[in-house]
């Protein structure tokens, strides 16, 4: 059974897919009412599932006319894609963002399910087993960039 975060994520992704624009604008309070949750639950979903590593840009405007704008970053041609992904990954990437990026590559059909599973296994914290999280995030970034470049070059 899906948890509330999964339901909110699925709902927002459906809105994006159905939108004629490359973004959607929603109100945090409306989402909280729709899903019978507190607004901080919406913040959690936006932070953990709609980050740049997951292929999204989130802009928030507070106040009475405030909104949340979620922009799905476009993945262009393969050469540009490699450069864009390397810029997104940077010198360090969390396991959550790495997994989100891999999922997005699979959703957009740039990689197969098998390739996605291999990549996720390679960047998993249990696989890396380093005592210092920062060093693990740096190693994860190096590995992820190498895999992306290797797969997308062909």
N, C-alpha and C. Protein backbone atom coordinates (compact mmCIF):
# COMPACT_ATOMS: atom_id res chain seq x y z
N UNK A 1 0.83 -1.18 0.00
CA UNK A 1 0.00 0.00 0.00
C UNK A 1 0.88 1.25 0.00
N UNK A 2 0.49 2.23 -0.77
CA UNK A 2 1.27 3.46 -0.89
C UNK A 2 1.12 4.32 0.35
N UNK A 3 2.19 5.02 0.70
CA UNK A 3 2.09 5.97 1.80
C UNK A 3 1.70 7.33 1.24
N UNK A 4 1.44 8.28 2.10
CA UNK A 4 0.94 9.59 1.69
C UNK A 4 1.94 10.31 0.78
N UNK A 5 3.22 10.15 1.04
CA UNK A 5 4.25 10.80 0.21
C UNK A 5 4.20 10.26 -1.22
N UNK A 6 4.01 8.95 -1.37
CA UNK A 6 3.91 8.35 -2.71
C UNK A 6 2.69 8.89 -3.45
N UNK A 7 1.58 9.03 -2.74
CA UNK A 7 0.35 9.54 -3.36
C UNK A 7 0.51 10.99 -3.81
N UNK A 8 1.12 11.80 -2.98
CA UNK A 8 1.35 13.20 -3.34
C UNK A 8 2.29 13.30 -4.53
N UNK A 9 3.37 12.53 -4.50
CA UNK A 9 4.32 12.52 -5.62
C UNK A 9 3.63 12.11 -6.92
N UNK A 10 2.88 11.04 -6.87
CA UNK A 10 2.19 10.55 -8.07
C UNK A 10 1.21 11.60 -8.61
N UNK A 11 0.49 12.24 -7.70
CA UNK A 11 -0.48 13.28 -8.09
C UNK A 11 0.23 14.44 -8.79
N UNK A 12 1.33 14.93 -8.21
CA UNK A 12 2.06 16.05 -8.80
C UNK A 12 2.67 15.68 -10.15
N UNK A 13 3.18 14.46 -10.26
CA UNK A 13 3.76 14.02 -11.54
C UNK A 13 2.67 13.89 -12.61
N UNK A 14 1.48 13.47 -12.21
CA UNK A 14 0.36 13.39 -13.17
C UNK A 14 -0.04 14.79 -13.63
N UNK A 15 -0.09 15.73 -12.69
CA UNK A 15 -0.40 17.11 -13.07
C UNK A 15 0.63 17.64 -14.07
N UNK A 16 1.89 17.35 -13.83
CA UNK A 16 2.95 17.77 -14.75
C UNK A 16 2.79 17.12 -16.12
N UNK A 17 2.48 15.84 -16.13
CA UNK A 17 2.33 15.12 -17.39
C UNK A 17 1.14 15.65 -18.18
N UNK A 18 0.08 16.04 -17.48
CA UNK A 18 -1.13 16.52 -18.14
C UNK A 18 -1.07 18.00 -18.50
N UNK A 19 -0.08 18.71 -17.99
CA UNK A 19 0.03 20.15 -18.21
C UNK A 19 0.52 20.46 -19.62
N UNK A 20 -0.04 21.50 -20.20
CA UNK A 20 0.41 21.92 -21.54
C UNK A 20 1.71 22.73 -21.44
N UNK A 21 2.05 23.14 -20.22
CA UNK A 21 3.28 23.89 -19.97
C UNK A 21 4.32 22.93 -19.42
N UNK A 22 5.52 23.42 -19.23
CA UNK A 22 6.59 22.59 -18.66
C UNK A 22 6.65 22.73 -17.15
N UNK A 23 5.60 23.28 -16.57
CA UNK A 23 5.56 23.46 -15.13
C UNK A 23 4.11 23.44 -14.65
N UNK A 24 3.96 23.32 -13.33
CA UNK A 24 2.64 23.46 -12.71
C UNK A 24 2.78 24.41 -11.54
N UNK A 25 1.67 25.03 -11.17
CA UNK A 25 1.63 25.87 -9.99
C UNK A 25 0.52 25.34 -9.09
N UNK A 26 0.86 25.08 -7.86
CA UNK A 26 -0.10 24.55 -6.89
C UNK A 26 0.06 25.32 -5.59
N UNK A 27 -0.96 25.21 -4.74
CA UNK A 27 -0.87 25.83 -3.43
C UNK A 27 -0.70 24.74 -2.39
N UNK A 28 0.25 24.97 -1.51
CA UNK A 28 0.57 24.01 -0.46
C UNK A 28 -0.67 23.68 0.37
N UNK A 29 -1.44 24.70 0.73
CA UNK A 29 -2.63 24.48 1.58
C UNK A 29 -3.68 23.64 0.85
N UNK A 30 -3.84 23.86 -0.46
CA UNK A 30 -4.80 23.05 -1.23
C UNK A 30 -4.38 21.58 -1.27
N UNK A 31 -3.08 21.36 -1.45
CA UNK A 31 -2.58 19.98 -1.45
C UNK A 31 -2.76 19.33 -0.08
N UNK A 32 -2.51 20.09 0.97
CA UNK A 32 -2.66 19.55 2.32
C UNK A 32 -4.11 19.15 2.58
N UNK A 33 -5.05 19.97 2.12
CA UNK A 33 -6.48 19.64 2.28
C UNK A 33 -6.82 18.41 1.44
N UNK A 34 -6.37 18.39 0.20
CA UNK A 34 -6.68 17.27 -0.71
C UNK A 34 -6.22 15.93 -0.13
N UNK A 35 -5.03 15.93 0.50
CA UNK A 35 -4.46 14.69 1.01
C UNK A 35 -4.60 14.53 2.53
N UNK A 36 -5.37 15.42 3.13
CA UNK A 36 -5.60 15.38 4.58
C UNK A 36 -4.30 15.22 5.37
N UNK A 37 -3.40 16.13 5.10
CA UNK A 37 -2.11 16.10 5.78
C UNK A 37 -1.69 17.51 6.16
N UNK A 38 -0.63 17.63 6.90
CA UNK A 38 -0.11 18.94 7.28
C UNK A 38 0.76 19.49 6.14
N UNK A 39 0.85 20.81 6.01
CA UNK A 39 1.67 21.39 4.95
C UNK A 39 3.13 20.94 4.97
N UNK A 40 3.65 20.61 6.15
CA UNK A 40 5.04 20.16 6.21
C UNK A 40 5.23 18.84 5.46
N UNK A 41 4.18 18.04 5.34
CA UNK A 41 4.25 16.79 4.55
C UNK A 41 4.46 17.13 3.07
N UNK A 42 3.82 18.19 2.62
CA UNK A 42 4.00 18.65 1.23
C UNK A 42 5.44 19.11 1.05
N UNK A 43 5.96 19.86 2.02
CA UNK A 43 7.36 20.31 1.96
C UNK A 43 8.30 19.12 1.87
N UNK A 44 8.03 18.09 2.66
CA UNK A 44 8.87 16.89 2.67
C UNK A 44 8.90 16.25 1.27
N UNK A 45 7.74 16.11 0.66
CA UNK A 45 7.67 15.50 -0.68
C UNK A 45 8.44 16.35 -1.69
N UNK A 46 8.25 17.66 -1.63
CA UNK A 46 8.93 18.55 -2.57
C UNK A 46 10.44 18.48 -2.40
N UNK A 47 10.89 18.43 -1.16
CA UNK A 47 12.33 18.40 -0.88
C UNK A 47 12.97 17.08 -1.27
N UNK A 48 12.29 15.98 -0.99
CA UNK A 48 12.90 14.67 -1.22
C UNK A 48 12.64 14.07 -2.59
N UNK A 49 11.60 14.51 -3.27
CA UNK A 49 11.24 13.86 -4.53
C UNK A 49 11.19 14.78 -5.74
N UNK A 50 11.38 16.07 -5.51
CA UNK A 50 11.34 17.03 -6.61
C UNK A 50 12.55 17.96 -6.57
N UNK A 51 13.71 17.40 -6.27
CA UNK A 51 14.94 18.18 -6.23
C UNK A 51 15.57 18.21 -7.63
N UNK A 52 16.63 19.00 -7.77
CA UNK A 52 17.34 19.06 -9.05
C UNK A 52 17.89 17.68 -9.42
N UNK A 53 18.33 16.94 -8.43
CA UNK A 53 18.82 15.59 -8.69
C UNK A 53 17.76 14.67 -9.26
N UNK A 54 16.52 14.95 -8.92
CA UNK A 54 15.41 14.17 -9.46
C UNK A 54 14.90 14.74 -10.79
N UNK A 55 15.46 15.86 -11.21
CA UNK A 55 15.09 16.44 -12.50
C UNK A 55 14.03 17.52 -12.41
N UNK A 56 13.93 18.19 -11.28
CA UNK A 56 12.92 19.22 -11.09
C UNK A 56 13.52 20.46 -10.46
N UNK A 57 12.85 21.57 -10.69
CA UNK A 57 13.19 22.82 -10.03
C UNK A 57 11.92 23.29 -9.33
N UNK A 58 12.01 23.57 -8.03
CA UNK A 58 10.85 23.99 -7.26
C UNK A 58 11.06 25.43 -6.80
N UNK A 59 10.08 26.26 -7.11
CA UNK A 59 10.10 27.66 -6.71
C UNK A 59 8.89 27.89 -5.82
N UNK A 60 9.08 28.61 -4.74
CA UNK A 60 7.99 28.82 -3.79
C UNK A 60 7.81 30.30 -3.53
N UNK A 61 6.56 30.75 -3.58
CA UNK A 61 6.24 32.13 -3.23
C UNK A 61 5.27 32.07 -2.06
N UNK A 62 5.64 32.71 -0.98
CA UNK A 62 4.83 32.71 0.23
C UNK A 62 3.82 33.85 0.20
N UNK A 63 2.84 33.76 1.06
CA UNK A 63 1.86 34.83 1.19
C UNK A 63 0.48 34.39 0.73
N UNK A 64 -0.48 35.32 0.75
CA UNK A 64 -1.87 34.96 0.44
C UNK A 64 -2.04 34.51 -1.00
N UNK A 65 -1.30 35.09 -1.91
CA UNK A 65 -1.39 34.67 -3.31
C UNK A 65 -0.25 33.73 -3.67
N UNK A 66 0.35 33.12 -2.66
CA UNK A 66 1.53 32.29 -2.86
C UNK A 66 1.23 31.00 -3.60
N UNK A 67 2.25 30.45 -4.13
CA UNK A 67 2.14 29.20 -4.88
C UNK A 67 3.45 28.45 -4.83
N UNK A 68 3.40 27.23 -5.28
CA UNK A 68 4.59 26.43 -5.49
C UNK A 68 4.62 26.13 -6.98
N UNK A 69 5.70 26.48 -7.62
CA UNK A 69 5.86 26.17 -9.05
C UNK A 69 6.86 25.02 -9.15
N UNK A 70 6.45 23.96 -9.82
CA UNK A 70 7.32 22.81 -10.04
C UNK A 70 7.61 22.74 -11.54
N UNK A 71 8.89 22.83 -11.87
CA UNK A 71 9.33 22.80 -13.26
C UNK A 71 10.07 21.49 -13.50
N UNK A 72 9.64 20.76 -14.50
CA UNK A 72 10.35 19.54 -14.88
C UNK A 72 11.47 19.95 -15.82
N UNK A 73 12.71 19.71 -15.39
CA UNK A 73 13.85 20.05 -16.21
C UNK A 73 13.89 19.13 -17.43
N UNK A 74 14.07 19.71 -18.57
CA UNK A 74 14.05 18.93 -19.81
C UNK A 74 15.40 18.27 -20.05
N UNK A 75 15.33 17.04 -20.48
CA UNK A 75 16.55 16.31 -20.86
C UNK A 75 16.65 16.36 -22.38
N UNK A 76 17.63 17.09 -22.88
CA UNK A 76 17.76 17.32 -24.31
C UNK A 76 18.60 16.24 -24.99
N UNK A 77 19.29 16.62 -26.04
CA UNK A 77 20.12 15.70 -26.79
C UNK A 77 21.16 15.05 -25.89
N UNK A 78 21.67 13.91 -26.30
CA UNK A 78 22.57 13.12 -25.45
C UNK A 78 23.83 13.87 -25.03
N UNK A 79 24.45 14.59 -25.91
CA UNK A 79 25.68 15.32 -25.54
C UNK A 79 25.35 16.38 -24.49
N UNK A 80 24.28 17.14 -24.74
CA UNK A 80 23.85 18.15 -23.78
C UNK A 80 23.40 17.49 -22.49
N UNK A 81 22.76 16.35 -22.62
CA UNK A 81 22.27 15.62 -21.46
C UNK A 81 23.43 15.23 -20.54
N UNK A 82 24.49 14.72 -21.13
CA UNK A 82 25.65 14.31 -20.34
C UNK A 82 26.21 15.52 -19.58
N UNK A 83 26.35 16.65 -20.25
CA UNK A 83 26.86 17.86 -19.60
C UNK A 83 25.91 18.33 -18.50
N UNK A 84 24.61 18.32 -18.80
CA UNK A 84 23.62 18.74 -17.81
C UNK A 84 23.64 17.84 -16.58
N UNK A 85 23.70 16.55 -16.81
CA UNK A 85 23.69 15.61 -15.69
C UNK A 85 24.95 15.72 -14.86
N UNK A 86 26.08 15.90 -15.50
CA UNK A 86 27.32 16.07 -14.75
C UNK A 86 27.27 17.36 -13.92
N UNK A 87 26.64 18.39 -14.45
CA UNK A 87 26.50 19.64 -13.69
C UNK A 87 25.55 19.44 -12.50
N UNK A 88 24.48 18.70 -12.71
CA UNK A 88 23.53 18.43 -11.63
C UNK A 88 24.20 17.61 -10.53
N UNK A 89 24.95 16.59 -10.93
CA UNK A 89 25.61 15.72 -9.96
C UNK A 89 26.69 16.50 -9.21
N UNK A 90 27.46 17.29 -9.93
CA UNK A 90 28.51 18.08 -9.30
C UNK A 90 29.59 17.21 -8.69
N UNK A 91 30.19 17.69 -7.61
CA UNK A 91 31.28 16.97 -6.95
C UNK A 91 30.78 16.03 -5.87
N UNK A 92 29.49 16.12 -5.55
CA UNK A 92 28.95 15.33 -4.45
C UNK A 92 27.45 15.18 -4.67
N UNK A 93 26.91 13.99 -4.37
CA UNK A 93 25.47 13.78 -4.52
C UNK A 93 25.01 12.78 -3.45
N UNK A 94 23.87 13.07 -2.87
CA UNK A 94 23.32 12.17 -1.85
C UNK A 94 22.77 10.91 -2.51
N UNK A 95 22.59 9.88 -1.73
CA UNK A 95 22.03 8.65 -2.27
C UNK A 95 20.63 8.90 -2.81
N UNK A 96 19.84 9.68 -2.09
CA UNK A 96 18.47 9.99 -2.51
C UNK A 96 18.44 10.70 -3.86
N UNK A 97 19.28 11.72 -4.03
CA UNK A 97 19.32 12.44 -5.30
C UNK A 97 19.86 11.57 -6.42
N UNK A 98 20.84 10.73 -6.13
CA UNK A 98 21.38 9.81 -7.14
C UNK A 98 20.29 8.85 -7.61
N UNK A 99 19.55 8.29 -6.67
CA UNK A 99 18.47 7.37 -7.02
C UNK A 99 17.38 8.08 -7.81
N UNK A 100 17.10 9.33 -7.44
CA UNK A 100 16.10 10.11 -8.17
C UNK A 100 16.53 10.38 -9.60
N UNK A 101 17.79 10.70 -9.78
CA UNK A 101 18.31 10.96 -11.12
C UNK A 101 18.26 9.69 -11.97
N UNK A 102 18.63 8.58 -11.38
CA UNK A 102 18.59 7.30 -12.10
C UNK A 102 17.15 6.96 -12.48
N UNK A 103 16.23 7.16 -11.56
CA UNK A 103 14.81 6.89 -11.85
C UNK A 103 14.32 7.77 -12.99
N UNK A 104 14.72 9.02 -12.98
CA UNK A 104 14.30 9.94 -14.05
C UNK A 104 14.85 9.50 -15.40
N UNK A 105 16.11 9.07 -15.43
CA UNK A 105 16.69 8.58 -16.68
C UNK A 105 15.91 7.37 -17.20
N UNK A 106 15.47 6.52 -16.28
CA UNK A 106 14.68 5.36 -16.68
C UNK A 106 13.29 5.78 -17.14
N UNK A 107 12.64 6.68 -16.41
CA UNK A 107 11.30 7.17 -16.79
C UNK A 107 11.31 7.79 -18.18
N UNK A 108 12.39 8.50 -18.49
CA UNK A 108 12.50 9.19 -19.79
C UNK A 108 13.05 8.26 -20.88
N UNK A 109 13.26 6.99 -20.54
CA UNK A 109 13.68 5.96 -21.48
C UNK A 109 15.11 6.17 -22.02
N UNK A 110 15.95 6.84 -21.22
CA UNK A 110 17.35 6.97 -21.61
C UNK A 110 18.13 5.74 -21.19
N UNK A 111 17.65 5.04 -20.16
CA UNK A 111 18.30 3.81 -19.73
C UNK A 111 17.23 2.74 -19.49
N UNK A 112 17.65 1.50 -19.58
CA UNK A 112 16.73 0.38 -19.37
C UNK A 112 16.54 0.13 -17.87
N UNK A 113 15.56 -0.68 -17.54
CA UNK A 113 15.34 -1.04 -16.14
C UNK A 113 16.57 -1.76 -15.59
N UNK A 114 17.17 -2.61 -16.39
CA UNK A 114 18.37 -3.33 -15.96
C UNK A 114 19.51 -2.37 -15.66
N UNK A 115 19.73 -1.40 -16.56
CA UNK A 115 20.77 -0.41 -16.33
C UNK A 115 20.48 0.41 -15.07
N UNK A 116 19.22 0.77 -14.88
CA UNK A 116 18.84 1.54 -13.69
C UNK A 116 19.14 0.75 -12.42
N UNK A 117 18.82 -0.52 -12.42
CA UNK A 117 19.07 -1.35 -11.23
C UNK A 117 20.57 -1.48 -10.96
N UNK A 118 21.35 -1.65 -12.01
CA UNK A 118 22.81 -1.73 -11.84
C UNK A 118 23.37 -0.42 -11.28
N UNK A 119 22.90 0.69 -11.82
CA UNK A 119 23.37 1.99 -11.36
C UNK A 119 22.98 2.22 -9.91
N UNK A 120 21.75 1.87 -9.55
CA UNK A 120 21.30 2.05 -8.17
C UNK A 120 22.12 1.19 -7.21
N UNK A 121 22.44 -0.01 -7.62
CA UNK A 121 23.26 -0.87 -6.77
C UNK A 121 24.65 -0.27 -6.56
N UNK A 122 25.20 0.34 -7.61
CA UNK A 122 26.55 0.89 -7.53
C UNK A 122 26.62 2.13 -6.63
N UNK A 123 25.56 2.91 -6.55
CA UNK A 123 25.60 4.13 -5.75
C UNK A 123 24.96 3.97 -4.37
N UNK A 124 24.50 2.78 -4.07
CA UNK A 124 23.86 2.51 -2.78
C UNK A 124 24.86 2.66 -1.63
N UNK A 125 24.42 3.28 -0.56
CA UNK A 125 25.29 3.48 0.61
C UNK A 125 25.81 2.19 1.18
N UNK A 126 25.02 1.11 1.11
CA UNK A 126 25.48 -0.18 1.62
C UNK A 126 26.58 -0.76 0.74
N UNK A 127 26.59 -0.42 -0.52
CA UNK A 127 27.64 -0.88 -1.42
C UNK A 127 28.93 -0.11 -1.17
N UNK A 128 28.80 1.21 -0.99
CA UNK A 128 29.99 2.07 -0.82
C UNK A 128 30.65 1.86 0.53
N UNK A 129 29.88 1.67 1.57
CA UNK A 129 30.36 1.39 2.93
C UNK A 129 31.56 2.21 3.36
N UNK A 130 31.41 3.51 3.27
CA UNK A 130 32.45 4.41 3.76
C UNK A 130 31.97 5.04 5.05
N UNK A 131 32.88 5.26 5.96
CA UNK A 131 32.48 5.76 7.28
C UNK A 131 32.11 7.24 7.25
N UNK A 132 32.67 8.00 6.34
CA UNK A 132 32.37 9.42 6.30
C UNK A 132 31.36 9.70 5.19
N UNK A 133 30.17 10.26 5.53
CA UNK A 133 29.14 10.50 4.53
C UNK A 133 29.58 11.43 3.40
N UNK A 134 30.36 12.45 3.72
CA UNK A 134 30.79 13.39 2.68
C UNK A 134 31.63 12.67 1.64
N UNK A 135 32.56 11.84 2.11
CA UNK A 135 33.41 11.11 1.18
C UNK A 135 32.56 10.15 0.35
N UNK A 136 31.56 9.54 0.96
CA UNK A 136 30.65 8.65 0.24
C UNK A 136 29.88 9.39 -0.84
N UNK A 137 29.41 10.61 -0.54
CA UNK A 137 28.68 11.41 -1.53
C UNK A 137 29.60 11.80 -2.68
N UNK A 138 30.87 12.07 -2.37
CA UNK A 138 31.83 12.42 -3.42
C UNK A 138 32.12 11.21 -4.31
N UNK A 139 32.34 10.05 -3.70
CA UNK A 139 32.58 8.84 -4.47
C UNK A 139 31.36 8.48 -5.30
N UNK A 140 30.18 8.63 -4.71
CA UNK A 140 28.92 8.35 -5.42
C UNK A 140 28.81 9.23 -6.67
N UNK A 141 29.19 10.51 -6.55
CA UNK A 141 29.13 11.43 -7.69
C UNK A 141 30.08 10.99 -8.80
N UNK A 142 31.27 10.58 -8.43
CA UNK A 142 32.26 10.12 -9.43
C UNK A 142 31.74 8.88 -10.15
N UNK A 143 31.23 7.93 -9.40
CA UNK A 143 30.72 6.68 -9.99
C UNK A 143 29.52 6.97 -10.89
N UNK A 144 28.58 7.79 -10.39
CA UNK A 144 27.37 8.09 -11.17
C UNK A 144 27.71 8.79 -12.47
N UNK A 145 28.61 9.77 -12.43
CA UNK A 145 29.00 10.47 -13.66
C UNK A 145 29.65 9.50 -14.65
N UNK A 146 30.51 8.63 -14.17
CA UNK A 146 31.17 7.67 -15.06
C UNK A 146 30.14 6.75 -15.73
N UNK A 147 29.15 6.30 -14.96
CA UNK A 147 28.13 5.42 -15.53
C UNK A 147 27.26 6.16 -16.54
N UNK A 148 26.85 7.36 -16.21
CA UNK A 148 26.00 8.15 -17.12
C UNK A 148 26.73 8.40 -18.44
N UNK A 149 27.98 8.81 -18.36
CA UNK A 149 28.76 9.07 -19.56
C UNK A 149 28.91 7.80 -20.38
N UNK A 150 29.20 6.70 -19.73
CA UNK A 150 29.39 5.43 -20.43
C UNK A 150 28.12 4.97 -21.13
N UNK A 151 27.01 5.03 -20.44
CA UNK A 151 25.75 4.56 -21.02
C UNK A 151 25.24 5.47 -22.11
N UNK A 152 25.31 6.78 -21.91
CA UNK A 152 24.72 7.71 -22.85
C UNK A 152 25.60 7.99 -24.06
N UNK A 153 26.87 7.62 -24.01
CA UNK A 153 27.74 7.81 -25.17
C UNK A 153 27.35 6.91 -26.33
N UNK A 154 26.87 5.73 -25.99
CA UNK A 154 26.57 4.76 -27.06
C UNK A 154 25.33 5.10 -27.84
